[in-house]
Amino acid sequence: MNLKRFGINVLVLTVLLTPFLSFAQIDFPGQGNPVEVTTPASSPSPSSQSTFPNPLKVDTISQLISLVLNSIVLPIGGMVAVGYIIYAGFILVTAQGNPKQIEEGKKAFYNACIGTAILLGAVAIADVVKNTICSLSTTICTG
């Protein structure tokens, strides 16, 4: 029971601390693409134009897919997979010869391996879809 509570606490802390890690990115000058915002046609003077930086810093769908995969899916999925493998190892180490706990640890490790394979397979499928879209339409990927 305490092990489940520990696992839940680790998961909650991971979810709560992830935004702090994502906000730790350093923005260098010149990155991103400015988006021009103009006022209505009644006053087209150059002094009335403003530029705002693109918050996503992507131009194409392929860049957006890469950004989501590399910044969200892989880090969170990787943390969960490593945590679950550690959990399975902890169960196996603390089993002390108890066949029930050894079987539970083996099952947890097996499930962690399957989950990791699913995560990597999803990333591979998304990469194939992105490359297929880019090969069919260059305007989607190059802007």
Protein backbone atom coordinates (compact mmCIF):
# COMPACT_ATOMS: atom_id res chain seq x y z
CA MET A 1 0.00 0.00 0.00
CA ASN A 2 2.80 2.42 0.88
CA LEU A 3 4.58 1.59 -2.36
CA LYS A 4 1.51 2.59 -4.38
CA ARG A 5 1.26 5.85 -2.42
CA PHE A 6 4.95 6.50 -3.08
CA GLY A 7 4.46 5.87 -6.80
CA ILE A 8 1.48 8.20 -6.92
CA ASN A 9 3.45 10.90 -5.08
CA VAL A 10 6.35 10.58 -7.52
CA LEU A 11 3.97 10.82 -10.48
CA VAL A 12 2.24 13.91 -9.06
CA LEU A 13 5.55 15.61 -8.32
CA THR A 14 6.78 14.81 -11.82
CA VAL A 15 3.66 16.32 -13.37
CA LEU A 16 3.90 19.40 -11.13
CA LEU A 17 7.63 19.98 -11.74
CA THR A 18 7.57 19.50 -15.52
CA PRO A 19 6.39 23.09 -16.25
CA PHE A 20 9.36 24.49 -14.34
CA LEU A 21 11.72 22.44 -16.48
CA SER A 22 10.05 23.56 -19.68
CA PHE A 23 10.24 27.23 -18.67
CA ALA A 24 13.98 26.86 -18.13
CA GLN A 25 14.67 27.25 -21.86
CA ILE A 26 16.85 30.21 -22.73
CA ASP A 27 15.66 32.42 -25.58
CA PHE A 28 18.50 33.81 -27.63
CA PRO A 29 18.06 37.08 -29.53
CA GLY A 30 16.97 36.63 -33.10
CA GLN A 31 15.11 33.37 -32.56
CA GLY A 32 11.51 33.05 -33.61
CA ASN A 33 9.70 34.67 -36.43
CA PRO A 34 8.04 38.05 -35.89
CA VAL A 35 4.41 38.23 -36.85
CA GLU A 36 3.34 41.53 -38.34
CA VAL A 37 0.18 43.05 -36.94
CA THR A 38 -1.19 46.07 -38.73
CA THR A 39 -3.96 48.42 -37.84
CA PRO A 40 -7.04 48.77 -40.06
CA ALA A 41 -6.63 50.01 -43.62
CA SER A 42 -7.65 53.52 -42.64
CA SER A 43 -4.23 54.22 -41.14
CA PRO A 44 -1.53 52.31 -43.06
CA SER A 45 1.32 54.48 -41.82
CA PRO A 46 4.55 52.61 -40.98
CA SER A 47 4.59 54.01 -37.45
CA SER A 48 1.33 52.18 -36.66
CA GLN A 49 2.74 48.71 -37.42
CA SER A 50 3.85 46.45 -34.59
CA THR A 51 5.61 43.13 -34.62
CA PHE A 52 5.06 40.35 -32.14
CA PRO A 53 7.30 37.31 -31.89
CA ASN A 54 5.80 33.96 -32.77
CA PRO A 55 5.43 32.18 -29.40
CA LEU A 56 5.73 28.68 -30.89
CA LYS A 57 8.75 29.59 -33.03
CA VAL A 58 7.61 27.26 -35.80
CA ASP A 59 6.73 27.96 -39.40
CA THR A 60 5.44 24.62 -40.63
CA ILE A 61 3.43 21.61 -39.52
CA SER A 62 6.51 19.39 -39.60
CA GLN A 63 8.31 21.73 -37.20
CA LEU A 64 5.25 21.72 -34.92
CA ILE A 65 5.15 17.91 -34.90
CA SER A 66 8.86 17.78 -34.12
CA LEU A 67 8.44 20.37 -31.38
CA VAL A 68 5.58 18.47 -29.72
CA LEU A 69 7.38 15.13 -29.95
CA ASN A 70 10.76 16.37 -28.74
CA SER A 71 9.50 18.79 -26.09
CA ILE A 72 6.46 17.02 -24.65
CA VAL A 73 5.94 13.39 -25.63
CA LEU A 74 9.48 12.04 -25.34
CA PRO A 75 10.50 13.73 -22.06
CA ILE A 76 7.30 12.88 -20.20
CA GLY A 77 7.06 9.38 -21.66
CA GLY A 78 10.72 8.78 -20.94
CA MET A 79 10.34 9.87 -17.31
CA VAL A 80 7.33 7.61 -16.85
CA ALA A 81 9.10 4.66 -18.47
CA VAL A 82 12.24 5.08 -16.35
CA GLY A 83 10.13 5.51 -13.22
CA TYR A 84 8.19 2.35 -13.96
CA ILE A 85 11.38 0.38 -14.62
CA ILE A 86 12.78 1.63 -11.30
CA TYR A 87 9.52 0.62 -9.62
CA ALA A 88 9.79 -2.89 -11.13
CA GLY A 89 13.41 -3.16 -9.99
CA PHE A 90 12.45 -2.04 -6.49
CA ILE A 91 9.78 -4.74 -6.31
CA LEU A 92 12.26 -7.38 -7.50
CA VAL A 93 14.97 -6.29 -5.05
CA THR A 94 12.62 -6.19 -2.05
CA ALA A 95 10.93 -9.51 -2.93
CA GLN A 96 13.32 -11.49 -0.67
CA GLY A 97 12.48 -14.75 -2.43
CA ASN A 98 8.70 -14.30 -2.28
CA PRO A 99 7.45 -15.88 -5.53
CA LYS A 100 4.36 -13.65 -5.63
CA GLN A 101 6.41 -10.45 -5.45
CA ILE A 102 8.98 -11.76 -7.92
CA GLU A 103 6.18 -12.49 -10.38
CA GLU A 104 4.71 -9.02 -9.76
CA GLY A 105 8.12 -7.42 -10.37
CA LYS A 106 8.64 -9.39 -13.58
CA LYS A 107 5.17 -8.39 -14.79
CA ALA A 108 5.85 -4.71 -13.96
CA PHE A 109 9.16 -4.83 -15.83
CA TYR A 110 7.52 -6.54 -18.80
CA ASN A 111 4.79 -3.89 -18.87
CA ALA A 112 7.41 -1.13 -18.65
CA CYS A 113 9.23 -2.60 -21.65
CA ILE A 114 5.97 -2.82 -23.63
CA GLY A 115 5.10 0.79 -22.73
CA THR A 116 8.55 1.98 -23.80
CA ALA A 117 8.20 0.10 -27.08
CA ILE A 118 4.78 1.69 -27.65
CA LEU A 119 6.24 5.15 -26.94
CA LEU A 120 9.12 4.66 -29.36
CA GLY A 121 6.77 3.12 -31.93
CA ALA A 122 4.43 6.12 -31.69
CA VAL A 123 7.35 8.48 -32.24
CA ALA A 124 8.51 6.43 -35.23
CA ILE A 125 5.01 6.38 -36.74
CA ALA A 126 4.65 10.14 -36.25
CA ASP A 127 8.03 10.67 -37.91
CA VAL A 128 7.00 8.51 -40.88
CA VAL A 129 3.70 10.40 -41.22
CA LYS A 130 5.54 13.74 -41.01
CA ASN A 131 8.04 12.69 -43.68
CA THR A 132 5.24 11.38 -45.91
CA ILE A 133 3.34 14.66 -45.62
CA CYS A 134 6.53 16.59 -46.38
CA SER A 135 7.24 14.48 -49.45
CA LEU A 136 3.70 14.93 -50.80
CA SER A 137 3.42 18.65 -50.27
CA THR A 138 6.46 20.83 -50.00
CA THR A 139 4.35 23.89 -49.18
CA ILE A 140 3.28 22.37 -45.86
CA CYS A 141 6.83 21.68 -44.70
CA THR A 142 8.74 24.61 -46.19
CA GLY A 143 6.25 27.35 -45.57
